[in-house]
Amino acid sequence: MYSAVSNVNSKTYIHILQHFLIPSVEIWFEDSTDFIFQNDNASCHRSKIIRNFLQQNNIKTMTWPANSPDHNPIKNIWAKLKNLIREKKPQNKDEFRLAIGSS
C-alpha cells in the first residue's frame, strides 16, 4: 500500500504504478493478461501520460461504471476496509497505518 503525503499528480501516480502495481501484478498473476486494472475518475488517473503508460505496459483497464456500488467493486472493498479499521480504533497516524496493514 502506498500512503501519499500530498496530492497525487500524474508523475506521482506513475511512480505508484511502477513501484507498487506492476510488481504486485507480477507476484499475483501468472498471466498478466488475466488482470484488469480499475481506477477512479480522478484527473491524474485519466491524463494522457497515464493512459500512455498503461498502454505501453499492457495494463488493461476497465471503463468506469456508473455511480452504483453494485457495478463498482472497489466501493465494497473500501467499505469493508473502513469497517475493519474502525473496529481497531486507531488513535494516531501510526496506529491507523498499522490497522490498514493488518486488515
N, C-alpha and C. Protein backbone atom coordinates (compact mmCIF):
# COMPACT_ATOMS: atom_id res chain seq x y z
N MET A 1 0.84 -1.17 0.00
CA MET A 1 0.00 0.00 0.00
C MET A 1 0.89 1.23 0.00
N TYR A 2 0.46 2.23 -0.75
CA TYR A 2 1.19 3.49 -0.84
C TYR A 2 0.43 4.55 -0.07
N SER A 3 1.12 5.25 0.80
CA SER A 3 0.50 6.31 1.58
C SER A 3 1.00 7.65 1.06
N ALA A 4 0.16 8.37 0.36
CA ALA A 4 0.54 9.67 -0.21
C ALA A 4 0.55 10.72 0.89
N VAL A 5 1.59 11.54 0.90
CA VAL A 5 1.69 12.60 1.90
C VAL A 5 1.24 13.94 1.33
N SER A 6 0.95 13.98 0.04
CA SER A 6 0.45 15.20 -0.59
C SER A 6 -0.49 14.79 -1.72
N ASN A 7 -0.98 15.77 -2.44
CA ASN A 7 -1.85 15.47 -3.58
C ASN A 7 -1.11 14.61 -4.60
N VAL A 8 -1.83 13.71 -5.22
CA VAL A 8 -1.24 12.83 -6.22
C VAL A 8 -1.46 13.45 -7.59
N ASN A 9 -0.34 13.64 -8.32
CA ASN A 9 -0.42 14.11 -9.69
C ASN A 9 -0.01 12.96 -10.61
N SER A 10 0.02 13.21 -11.91
CA SER A 10 0.34 12.14 -12.87
C SER A 10 1.72 11.55 -12.62
N LYS A 11 2.70 12.39 -12.29
CA LYS A 11 4.06 11.90 -12.05
C LYS A 11 4.09 10.96 -10.83
N THR A 12 3.43 11.37 -9.76
CA THR A 12 3.36 10.53 -8.56
C THR A 12 2.61 9.24 -8.85
N TYR A 13 1.54 9.35 -9.63
CA TYR A 13 0.74 8.17 -9.95
C TYR A 13 1.53 7.16 -10.77
N ILE A 14 2.34 7.64 -11.71
CA ILE A 14 3.20 6.72 -12.48
C ILE A 14 4.18 6.02 -11.53
N HIS A 15 4.73 6.76 -10.58
CA HIS A 15 5.64 6.15 -9.60
C HIS A 15 4.91 5.03 -8.84
N ILE A 16 3.68 5.29 -8.42
CA ILE A 16 2.89 4.28 -7.70
C ILE A 16 2.66 3.06 -8.58
N LEU A 17 2.29 3.30 -9.83
CA LEU A 17 2.03 2.18 -10.74
C LEU A 17 3.30 1.37 -10.98
N GLN A 18 4.42 2.05 -11.20
CA GLN A 18 5.69 1.35 -11.49
C GLN A 18 6.18 0.55 -10.29
N HIS A 19 6.09 1.13 -9.11
CA HIS A 19 6.73 0.53 -7.94
C HIS A 19 5.79 -0.30 -7.06
N PHE A 20 4.50 -0.19 -7.30
CA PHE A 20 3.56 -0.95 -6.47
C PHE A 20 2.63 -1.83 -7.31
N LEU A 21 1.97 -1.25 -8.30
CA LEU A 21 1.03 -2.03 -9.09
C LEU A 21 1.72 -3.11 -9.91
N ILE A 22 2.68 -2.73 -10.73
CA ILE A 22 3.32 -3.70 -11.63
C ILE A 22 3.98 -4.83 -10.85
N PRO A 23 4.77 -4.56 -9.80
CA PRO A 23 5.34 -5.68 -9.04
C PRO A 23 4.28 -6.58 -8.40
N SER A 24 3.18 -6.00 -7.94
CA SER A 24 2.10 -6.81 -7.35
C SER A 24 1.45 -7.71 -8.39
N VAL A 25 1.23 -7.17 -9.59
CA VAL A 25 0.64 -7.98 -10.66
C VAL A 25 1.57 -9.13 -11.01
N GLU A 26 2.87 -8.87 -11.05
CA GLU A 26 3.84 -9.92 -11.37
C GLU A 26 3.83 -11.02 -10.31
N ILE A 27 3.58 -10.67 -9.06
CA ILE A 27 3.53 -11.66 -7.98
C ILE A 27 2.23 -12.45 -8.01
N TRP A 28 1.10 -11.77 -8.19
CA TRP A 28 -0.20 -12.39 -8.02
C TRP A 28 -0.79 -13.03 -9.26
N PHE A 29 -0.32 -12.65 -10.43
CA PHE A 29 -0.90 -13.17 -11.66
C PHE A 29 0.17 -13.81 -12.53
N GLU A 30 0.04 -15.11 -12.78
CA GLU A 30 0.97 -15.78 -13.68
C GLU A 30 0.90 -15.17 -15.07
N ASP A 31 -0.30 -14.93 -15.51
CA ASP A 31 -0.53 -14.35 -16.83
C ASP A 31 -1.15 -12.97 -16.62
N SER A 32 -0.36 -11.94 -16.86
CA SER A 32 -0.85 -10.59 -16.57
C SER A 32 -2.01 -10.18 -17.47
N THR A 33 -2.29 -10.96 -18.51
CA THR A 33 -3.45 -10.63 -19.35
C THR A 33 -4.76 -10.96 -18.62
N ASP A 34 -4.67 -11.71 -17.51
CA ASP A 34 -5.86 -12.00 -16.71
C ASP A 34 -6.23 -10.84 -15.80
N PHE A 35 -5.37 -9.86 -15.74
CA PHE A 35 -5.53 -8.74 -14.82
C PHE A 35 -6.18 -7.55 -15.52
N ILE A 36 -7.21 -6.98 -14.88
CA ILE A 36 -7.84 -5.76 -15.38
C ILE A 36 -7.77 -4.73 -14.26
N PHE A 37 -7.20 -3.59 -14.56
CA PHE A 37 -6.99 -2.53 -13.57
C PHE A 37 -8.15 -1.55 -13.62
N GLN A 38 -8.69 -1.24 -12.44
CA GLN A 38 -9.76 -0.26 -12.36
C GLN A 38 -9.33 0.84 -11.41
N ASN A 39 -9.30 2.05 -11.91
CA ASN A 39 -9.06 3.19 -11.04
C ASN A 39 -10.26 4.11 -11.14
N ASP A 40 -10.23 5.21 -10.42
CA ASP A 40 -11.40 6.08 -10.45
C ASP A 40 -11.22 7.22 -11.45
N ASN A 41 -12.10 8.16 -11.42
CA ASN A 41 -12.08 9.24 -12.40
C ASN A 41 -11.30 10.47 -11.93
N ALA A 42 -10.38 10.29 -11.00
CA ALA A 42 -9.53 11.41 -10.60
C ALA A 42 -8.77 11.90 -11.83
N SER A 43 -8.58 13.20 -11.93
CA SER A 43 -7.97 13.76 -13.14
C SER A 43 -6.59 13.18 -13.41
N CYS A 44 -5.80 12.92 -12.36
CA CYS A 44 -4.46 12.36 -12.59
C CYS A 44 -4.53 10.92 -13.10
N HIS A 45 -5.63 10.24 -12.89
CA HIS A 45 -5.79 8.87 -13.38
C HIS A 45 -6.21 8.84 -14.85
N ARG A 46 -6.76 9.94 -15.33
CA ARG A 46 -7.26 9.99 -16.71
C ARG A 46 -6.33 10.73 -17.66
N SER A 47 -5.23 11.25 -17.18
CA SER A 47 -4.36 12.08 -18.02
C SER A 47 -3.78 11.27 -19.18
N LYS A 48 -3.38 11.97 -20.20
CA LYS A 48 -2.80 11.33 -21.39
C LYS A 48 -1.54 10.56 -21.02
N ILE A 49 -0.73 11.12 -20.14
CA ILE A 49 0.50 10.46 -19.69
C ILE A 49 0.17 9.10 -19.06
N ILE A 50 -0.85 9.07 -18.24
CA ILE A 50 -1.25 7.82 -17.57
C ILE A 50 -1.82 6.84 -18.58
N ARG A 51 -2.68 7.31 -19.46
CA ARG A 51 -3.25 6.41 -20.48
C ARG A 51 -2.13 5.80 -21.32
N ASN A 52 -1.13 6.61 -21.70
CA ASN A 52 0.00 6.09 -22.48
C ASN A 52 0.82 5.09 -21.67
N PHE A 53 1.07 5.40 -20.40
CA PHE A 53 1.83 4.49 -19.54
C PHE A 53 1.12 3.14 -19.44
N LEU A 54 -0.17 3.16 -19.19
CA LEU A 54 -0.93 1.92 -19.07
C LEU A 54 -0.88 1.12 -20.37
N GLN A 55 -1.02 1.81 -21.49
CA GLN A 55 -0.98 1.13 -22.79
C GLN A 55 0.41 0.55 -23.05
N GLN A 56 1.46 1.32 -22.78
CA GLN A 56 2.83 0.85 -23.03
C GLN A 56 3.19 -0.35 -22.15
N ASN A 57 2.57 -0.44 -20.99
CA ASN A 57 2.85 -1.55 -20.08
C ASN A 57 1.81 -2.65 -20.15
N ASN A 58 0.99 -2.61 -21.20
CA ASN A 58 -0.03 -3.64 -21.45
C ASN A 58 -0.94 -3.86 -20.25
N ILE A 59 -1.30 -2.77 -19.59
CA ILE A 59 -2.21 -2.86 -18.46
C ILE A 59 -3.61 -2.56 -18.97
N LYS A 60 -4.44 -3.60 -18.95
CA LYS A 60 -5.83 -3.43 -19.39
C LYS A 60 -6.62 -2.69 -18.33
N THR A 61 -7.47 -1.81 -18.78
CA THR A 61 -8.30 -1.06 -17.84
C THR A 61 -9.76 -1.34 -18.12
N MET A 62 -10.56 -0.97 -17.16
CA MET A 62 -12.00 -1.17 -17.24
C MET A 62 -12.67 0.19 -17.29
N THR A 63 -13.68 0.32 -18.12
CA THR A 63 -14.43 1.57 -18.16
C THR A 63 -15.08 1.79 -16.81
N TRP A 64 -14.99 3.01 -16.33
CA TRP A 64 -15.52 3.33 -15.02
C TRP A 64 -17.03 3.20 -15.01
N PRO A 65 -17.60 2.39 -14.10
CA PRO A 65 -19.05 2.19 -14.08
C PRO A 65 -19.79 3.40 -13.54
N ALA A 66 -21.08 3.41 -13.75
CA ALA A 66 -21.94 4.46 -13.21
C ALA A 66 -21.85 4.45 -11.69
N ASN A 67 -22.34 5.48 -11.07
CA ASN A 67 -22.29 5.58 -9.60
C ASN A 67 -23.24 4.59 -8.95
N SER A 68 -22.86 3.35 -9.00
CA SER A 68 -23.66 2.30 -8.40
C SER A 68 -22.72 1.32 -7.71
N PRO A 69 -22.86 1.13 -6.40
CA PRO A 69 -21.98 0.19 -5.71
C PRO A 69 -22.07 -1.23 -6.27
N ASP A 70 -23.21 -1.57 -6.86
CA ASP A 70 -23.35 -2.90 -7.45
C ASP A 70 -22.43 -3.11 -8.64
N HIS A 71 -22.10 -2.03 -9.33
CA HIS A 71 -21.24 -2.11 -10.51
C HIS A 71 -19.84 -1.58 -10.24
N ASN A 72 -19.55 -1.24 -9.03
CA ASN A 72 -18.29 -0.63 -8.68
C ASN A 72 -17.67 -1.40 -7.51
N PRO A 73 -16.97 -2.49 -7.80
CA PRO A 73 -16.49 -3.38 -6.73
C PRO A 73 -15.54 -2.71 -5.74
N ILE A 74 -14.79 -1.71 -6.15
CA ILE A 74 -13.83 -1.09 -5.24
C ILE A 74 -14.55 -0.40 -4.08
N LYS A 75 -15.75 0.11 -4.32
CA LYS A 75 -16.52 0.75 -3.24
C LYS A 75 -16.80 -0.25 -2.12
N ASN A 76 -17.12 -1.48 -2.48
CA ASN A 76 -17.38 -2.52 -1.48
C ASN A 76 -16.11 -2.86 -0.71
N ILE A 77 -14.99 -2.90 -1.40
CA ILE A 77 -13.71 -3.21 -0.74
C ILE A 77 -13.36 -2.11 0.25
N TRP A 78 -13.48 -0.84 -0.18
CA TRP A 78 -13.17 0.28 0.72
C TRP A 78 -14.10 0.27 1.93
N ALA A 79 -15.38 -0.04 1.73
CA ALA A 79 -16.32 -0.09 2.85
C ALA A 79 -15.92 -1.18 3.85
N LYS A 80 -15.52 -2.34 3.35
CA LYS A 80 -15.09 -3.44 4.21
C LYS A 80 -13.83 -3.04 5.00
N LEU A 81 -12.85 -2.43 4.29
CA LEU A 81 -11.62 -1.99 4.95
C LEU A 81 -11.93 -0.94 6.02
N LYS A 82 -12.81 -0.01 5.70
CA LYS A 82 -13.20 1.03 6.65
C LYS A 82 -13.77 0.42 7.92
N ASN A 83 -14.63 -0.59 7.78
CA ASN A 83 -15.21 -1.25 8.95
C ASN A 83 -14.16 -1.99 9.77
N LEU A 84 -13.23 -2.66 9.10
CA LEU A 84 -12.16 -3.38 9.81
C LEU A 84 -11.29 -2.41 10.60
N ILE A 85 -10.97 -1.27 9.99
CA ILE A 85 -10.13 -0.28 10.67
C ILE A 85 -10.89 0.34 11.84
N ARG A 86 -12.15 0.64 11.63
CA ARG A 86 -12.97 1.25 12.68
C ARG A 86 -13.00 0.36 13.93
N GLU A 87 -13.05 -0.96 13.73
CA GLU A 87 -13.06 -1.90 14.87
C GLU A 87 -11.78 -1.81 15.69
N LYS A 88 -10.66 -1.46 15.05
CA LYS A 88 -9.37 -1.39 15.75
C LYS A 88 -9.17 -0.07 16.49
N LYS A 89 -9.99 0.92 16.19
CA LYS A 89 -9.98 2.22 16.88
C LYS A 89 -8.59 2.84 16.96
N PRO A 90 -7.95 3.08 15.83
CA PRO A 90 -6.62 3.71 15.87
C PRO A 90 -6.71 5.13 16.45
N GLN A 91 -5.68 5.51 17.21
CA GLN A 91 -5.67 6.81 17.88
C GLN A 91 -4.75 7.84 17.22
N ASN A 92 -3.91 7.38 16.29
CA ASN A 92 -3.00 8.31 15.61
C ASN A 92 -2.64 7.74 14.24
N LYS A 93 -1.83 8.48 13.47
CA LYS A 93 -1.50 8.05 12.11
C LYS A 93 -0.77 6.71 12.09
N ASP A 94 0.15 6.51 13.02
CA ASP A 94 0.90 5.25 13.04
C ASP A 94 -0.03 4.06 13.30
N GLU A 95 -0.91 4.20 14.26
CA GLU A 95 -1.88 3.14 14.55
C GLU A 95 -2.82 2.93 13.37
N PHE A 96 -3.17 4.02 12.70
CA PHE A 96 -4.04 3.93 11.53
C PHE A 96 -3.35 3.13 10.43
N ARG A 97 -2.08 3.42 10.16
CA ARG A 97 -1.33 2.68 9.14
C ARG A 97 -1.20 1.21 9.52
N LEU A 98 -0.94 0.93 10.79
CA LEU A 98 -0.87 -0.46 11.25
C LEU A 98 -2.21 -1.17 11.06
N ALA A 99 -3.28 -0.47 11.36
CA ALA A 99 -4.62 -1.05 11.19
C ALA A 99 -4.89 -1.38 9.73
N ILE A 100 -4.47 -0.51 8.84
CA ILE A 100 -4.64 -0.77 7.40
C ILE A 100 -3.84 -2.00 7.00
N GLY A 101 -2.58 -2.04 7.42
CA GLY A 101 -1.70 -3.15 7.04
C GLY A 101 -2.16 -4.49 7.56
N SER A 102 -2.79 -4.50 8.72
CA SER A 102 -3.22 -5.78 9.30
C SER A 102 -4.64 -6.16 8.90
N SER A 103 -5.30 -5.30 8.17
CA SER A 103 -6.68 -5.60 7.74
C SER A 103 -6.62 -6.23 6.42
